[in-house]
């Protein structure tokens, strides 16, 4: 960490709260899709809810907390995972593999939709509201919430358990290859931690800061911010608020 680096505590807490909300939306999305396909298992297990308690995974939350309190020199992000929803594919109205695939895609899709809706609504907030310190904080939180939701969508492309990319790849592979691929599941969380913590540390020691894999969290965050900017250019009144997050 450079001597000029600072930790934005308010931003860190906004990221953590946004993560808890986004994870609840994500896992509830899985449960709702399973229920819509005819499987009542997630609902019976209490997963069809937006309760933080039902969806928070301790290790996934810890990852988010650590990354949220990074120095501003390396932008803090809200990445992690929740307690996976485990549907019963044999209770669904579609073929088991198709059912699992649809349930797996539902979580990231819900996050993406929420992130895009917030982004589309932000420019309609009137400029006078941005002059008030309290409403400024609300708008800042909405910007963070949108970016965290979109960031989780991008994160879940990774084919590592318990991320949804793992389940997508598993259902698309032929049976023999799927069984071999499933052997990676017990090491999924460890691999995620290695990618997001150990590799950046090694990269800093090796002075290989330009290698993308050493800064995957940054590129996920950058992808979320870029999508928000491309989707709906923000008016001038938002420039300072966005800079507060980006810088």
Protein backbone atom coordinates (compact mmCIF):
# COMPACT_ATOMS: atom_id res chain seq x y z
CA UNK A 1 0.00 0.00 0.00
CA UNK A 2 1.41 3.36 -0.94
CA UNK A 3 1.78 6.04 1.75
CA UNK A 4 -0.78 8.19 -0.10
CA UNK A 5 -3.38 5.43 -0.16
CA UNK A 6 -6.42 5.97 2.01
CA UNK A 7 -9.33 3.81 3.06
CA UNK A 8 -12.75 5.32 2.45
CA UNK A 9 -14.64 3.91 5.44
CA UNK A 10 -18.04 5.25 4.36
CA UNK A 11 -17.61 3.73 0.90
CA UNK A 12 -16.54 0.43 2.46
CA UNK A 13 -19.71 0.21 4.55
CA UNK A 14 -21.84 1.14 1.53
CA UNK A 15 -20.16 -1.66 -0.43
CA UNK A 16 -20.77 -4.22 2.33
CA UNK A 17 -24.45 -3.24 2.71
CA UNK A 18 -24.85 -3.27 -1.08
CA UNK A 19 -23.26 -6.72 -1.19
CA UNK A 20 -25.67 -8.09 1.44
CA UNK A 21 -28.63 -6.72 -0.53
CA UNK A 22 -27.25 -7.99 -3.85
CA UNK A 23 -26.58 -11.48 -2.46
CA UNK A 24 -30.11 -11.67 -1.03
CA UNK A 25 -31.50 -10.69 -4.46
CA UNK A 26 -29.18 -13.16 -6.16
CA UNK A 27 -30.09 -16.19 -4.05
CA UNK A 28 -33.77 -15.28 -3.93
CA UNK A 29 -33.64 -15.16 -7.74
CA UNK A 30 -32.41 -18.75 -7.78
CA UNK A 31 -35.21 -19.80 -5.41
CA UNK A 32 -37.91 -17.98 -7.39
CA UNK A 33 -36.80 -19.61 -10.64
CA UNK A 34 -36.80 -23.07 -9.04
CA UNK A 35 -40.29 -22.43 -7.68
CA UNK A 36 -41.49 -21.18 -11.07
CA UNK A 37 -40.19 -24.40 -12.63
CA UNK A 38 -42.16 -26.46 -10.12
CA UNK A 39 -39.56 -27.25 -7.44
CA UNK A 40 -40.74 -26.18 -3.99
CA UNK A 41 -37.54 -27.27 -2.19
CA UNK A 42 -35.91 -23.80 -1.90
CA UNK A 43 -39.17 -22.29 -0.67
CA UNK A 44 -39.55 -25.07 1.92
CA UNK A 45 -35.99 -24.35 3.08
CA UNK A 46 -36.80 -20.66 3.54
CA UNK A 47 -34.67 -19.51 0.60
CA UNK A 48 -37.47 -17.62 -1.14
CA UNK A 49 -36.78 -14.52 0.95
CA UNK A 50 -34.65 -11.38 0.94
CA UNK A 51 -33.41 -12.03 4.48
CA UNK A 52 -29.65 -11.43 4.83
CA UNK A 53 -29.44 -14.20 7.45
CA UNK A 54 -30.71 -16.90 5.10
CA UNK A 55 -28.32 -16.07 2.26
CA UNK A 56 -25.07 -14.87 3.85
CA UNK A 57 -22.08 -17.20 3.64
CA UNK A 58 -19.38 -16.34 6.24
CA UNK A 59 -16.41 -16.85 3.90
CA UNK A 60 -18.10 -15.05 1.01
CA UNK A 61 -18.96 -12.12 3.29
CA UNK A 62 -15.41 -12.05 4.69
CA UNK A 63 -14.04 -11.76 1.16
CA UNK A 64 -16.34 -8.80 0.52
CA UNK A 65 -15.36 -7.08 3.78
CA UNK A 66 -11.63 -7.41 3.08
CA UNK A 67 -12.00 -6.15 -0.48
CA UNK A 68 -14.30 -3.30 0.59
CA UNK A 69 -11.65 -1.96 2.96
CA UNK A 70 -8.91 -1.88 0.34
CA UNK A 71 -7.12 1.40 -0.11
CA UNK A 72 -8.56 3.79 -2.66
CA UNK A 73 -5.35 3.31 -4.67
CA UNK A 74 -6.77 -0.09 -5.60
CA UNK A 75 -10.54 0.52 -5.88
CA UNK A 76 -12.60 -1.23 -3.19
CA UNK A 77 -15.15 -3.66 -4.62
CA UNK A 78 -18.07 -5.73 -3.36
CA UNK A 79 -17.33 -9.28 -4.46
CA UNK A 80 -18.13 -12.55 -2.71
CA UNK A 81 -20.81 -15.22 -2.63
CA UNK A 82 -23.79 -16.38 -0.59
CA UNK A 83 -25.17 -19.72 0.60
CA UNK A 84 -26.05 -21.60 -2.59
CA UNK A 85 -29.67 -22.50 -3.28
CA UNK A 86 -29.88 -26.26 -3.88
CA UNK A 87 -32.93 -27.11 -5.99
CA UNK A 88 -34.15 -30.62 -6.75
CA UNK A 89 -33.91 -30.99 -10.55
CA UNK A 90 -36.23 -34.02 -10.56
CA UNK A 91 -39.15 -31.92 -9.29
CA UNK A 92 -38.99 -29.42 -12.14
CA UNK A 93 -41.27 -29.32 -15.16
CA UNK A 94 -38.28 -29.30 -17.51
CA UNK A 95 -35.38 -31.70 -18.02
CA UNK A 96 -33.04 -31.81 -14.97
CA UNK A 97 -30.04 -30.26 -16.74
CA UNK A 98 -32.17 -27.51 -18.26
CA UNK A 99 -33.78 -26.82 -14.89
CA UNK A 100 -30.43 -26.51 -13.11
CA UNK A 101 -29.12 -24.30 -15.92
CA UNK A 102 -32.10 -21.94 -15.71
CA UNK A 103 -31.88 -21.76 -11.91
CA UNK A 104 -28.13 -21.05 -12.11
CA UNK A 105 -28.64 -18.22 -14.61
CA UNK A 106 -31.50 -16.64 -12.63
CA UNK A 107 -29.34 -15.26 -9.80
CA UNK A 108 -26.88 -13.27 -11.97
CA UNK A 109 -29.77 -12.18 -14.20
CA UNK A 110 -31.65 -10.73 -11.23
CA UNK A 111 -28.49 -8.85 -10.16
CA UNK A 112 -27.97 -7.52 -13.67
CA UNK A 113 -31.58 -6.34 -13.99
CA UNK A 114 -31.48 -4.55 -10.62
CA UNK A 115 -28.14 -2.93 -11.46
CA UNK A 116 -29.36 -1.72 -14.85
CA UNK A 117 -32.68 -0.42 -13.50
CA UNK A 118 -30.91 1.64 -10.83
CA UNK A 119 -28.48 2.98 -13.44
CA UNK A 120 -31.34 3.99 -15.74
CA UNK A 121 -33.19 5.77 -12.92
CA UNK A 122 -30.22 7.70 -11.49
CA UNK A 123 -30.12 10.46 -14.14
CA UNK A 124 -33.76 11.33 -13.39
CA UNK A 125 -32.91 12.50 -9.88
CA UNK A 126 -33.29 16.27 -9.92
CA UNK A 127 -30.18 18.42 -9.55
CA UNK A 128 -31.48 20.34 -6.47
CA UNK A 129 -31.57 17.07 -4.52
CA UNK A 130 -27.87 16.62 -5.16
CA UNK A 131 -27.12 19.84 -3.30
CA UNK A 132 -28.27 18.25 -0.04
CA UNK A 133 -25.61 16.23 1.82
CA UNK A 134 -28.09 13.58 2.97
CA UNK A 135 -29.52 12.95 -0.52
CA UNK A 136 -25.98 12.97 -1.92
CA UNK A 137 -25.20 10.00 0.30
CA UNK A 138 -28.33 8.21 -0.89
CA UNK A 139 -27.36 8.74 -4.52
CA UNK A 140 -23.81 7.58 -3.77
CA UNK A 141 -25.22 4.44 -2.18
CA UNK A 142 -27.42 3.78 -5.23
CA UNK A 143 -24.37 4.11 -7.51
CA UNK A 144 -22.49 1.61 -5.34
CA UNK A 145 -25.51 -0.72 -5.17
CA UNK A 146 -25.82 -0.73 -8.96
CA UNK A 147 -22.11 -1.41 -9.48
CA UNK A 148 -22.06 -4.22 -6.89
CA UNK A 149 -25.05 -5.94 -8.52
CA UNK A 150 -23.45 -5.73 -11.96
CA UNK A 151 -20.08 -6.76 -10.53
CA UNK A 152 -21.61 -9.90 -9.00
CA UNK A 153 -23.09 -10.74 -12.39
CA UNK A 154 -19.64 -10.55 -13.97
CA UNK A 155 -18.00 -12.46 -11.10
CA UNK A 156 -20.44 -15.34 -11.51
CA UNK A 157 -19.16 -16.00 -15.02
CA UNK A 158 -16.14 -17.68 -13.40
CA UNK A 159 -16.54 -21.50 -13.51
CA UNK A 160 -15.63 -22.00 -9.85
CA UNK A 161 -17.90 -23.41 -7.13
CA UNK A 162 -19.98 -21.89 -5.51
CA UNK A 163 -20.24 -19.33 -8.33
CA UNK A 164 -22.95 -19.90 -10.92
CA UNK A 165 -20.48 -20.25 -13.77
CA UNK A 166 -19.51 -23.59 -12.24
CA UNK A 167 -23.08 -24.88 -12.39
CA UNK A 168 -23.55 -23.61 -15.95
CA UNK A 169 -20.42 -25.39 -17.19
CA UNK A 170 -21.34 -28.55 -15.25
CA UNK A 171 -24.76 -28.81 -16.89
CA UNK A 172 -23.41 -28.14 -20.39
CA UNK A 173 -20.63 -30.74 -20.24
CA UNK A 174 -21.16 -34.38 -21.30
CA UNK A 175 -21.67 -36.73 -18.33
CA UNK A 176 -18.11 -38.09 -18.17
CA UNK A 177 -16.50 -34.66 -18.43
CA UNK A 178 -19.03 -33.24 -15.97
CA UNK A 179 -18.02 -35.80 -13.34
CA UNK A 180 -14.37 -34.90 -13.79
CA UNK A 181 -15.19 -31.20 -13.62
CA UNK A 182 -17.19 -31.77 -10.40
CA UNK A 183 -13.99 -32.82 -8.65
CA UNK A 184 -12.97 -29.15 -8.59
CA UNK A 185 -15.98 -28.16 -6.44
CA UNK A 186 -14.35 -28.82 -3.01
CA UNK A 187 -11.49 -26.49 -3.96
CA UNK A 188 -13.67 -23.75 -5.47
CA UNK A 189 -13.65 -21.33 -2.53
CA UNK A 190 -9.92 -21.78 -2.04
CA UNK A 191 -9.28 -21.09 -5.74
CA UNK A 192 -11.38 -17.92 -5.58
CA UNK A 193 -9.41 -16.67 -2.58
CA UNK A 194 -6.13 -17.53 -4.33
CA UNK A 195 -7.17 -15.60 -7.46
CA UNK A 196 -8.35 -12.50 -5.61
CA UNK A 197 -5.83 -12.34 -2.75
CA UNK A 198 -2.77 -14.56 -3.24
CA UNK A 199 -2.14 -13.83 -6.94
CA UNK A 200 -2.31 -10.03 -6.52
CA UNK A 201 0.17 -10.36 -3.64
CA UNK A 202 2.51 -12.44 -5.80
CA UNK A 203 2.07 -9.95 -8.63
CA UNK A 204 3.09 -7.06 -6.41
CA UNK A 205 6.19 -8.95 -5.26
CA UNK A 206 7.11 -9.86 -8.84
CA UNK A 207 6.42 -6.31 -10.08
CA UNK A 208 4.05 -7.81 -12.67
CA UNK A 209 1.30 -5.26 -12.15
CA UNK A 210 0.30 -5.27 -15.84
CA UNK A 211 -0.72 -8.93 -15.89
CA UNK A 212 -4.58 -8.94 -15.92
CA UNK A 213 -5.03 -12.06 -13.76
CA UNK A 214 -3.29 -10.30 -10.87
CA UNK A 215 -5.97 -7.59 -10.92
CA UNK A 216 -9.13 -9.52 -11.76
CA UNK A 217 -11.18 -7.77 -9.06
CA UNK A 218 -10.25 -4.39 -10.55
CA UNK A 219 -11.31 -5.48 -14.04
CA UNK A 220 -14.64 -6.78 -12.74
CA UNK A 221 -15.21 -3.45 -11.00
CA UNK A 222 -14.13 -1.56 -14.12
CA UNK A 223 -16.50 -3.65 -16.26
CA UNK A 224 -19.42 -2.78 -13.98
CA UNK A 225 -18.62 0.95 -14.00
CA UNK A 226 -18.07 0.94 -17.77
CA UNK A 227 -21.42 -0.74 -18.40
CA UNK A 228 -23.17 1.80 -16.19
CA UNK A 229 -21.53 4.67 -18.07
CA UNK A 230 -22.33 3.23 -21.50
CA UNK A 231 -25.91 2.44 -20.62
CA UNK A 232 -26.89 5.97 -19.66
CA UNK A 233 -24.47 8.91 -19.63
CA UNK A 234 -24.77 10.74 -16.34
CA UNK A 235 -25.53 14.48 -16.29
CA UNK A 236 -22.87 16.90 -15.04
CA UNK A 237 -24.48 17.01 -11.61
CA UNK A 238 -23.42 13.40 -11.01
CA UNK A 239 -19.78 13.82 -11.98
CA UNK A 240 -18.57 14.61 -8.47
CA UNK A 241 -20.55 11.74 -6.95
CA UNK A 242 -19.22 9.21 -9.44
CA UNK A 243 -15.68 10.56 -8.99
CA UNK A 244 -16.11 9.99 -5.23
CA UNK A 245 -16.57 6.29 -6.00
CA UNK A 246 -14.12 5.89 -8.90
CA UNK A 247 -11.32 7.97 -7.42
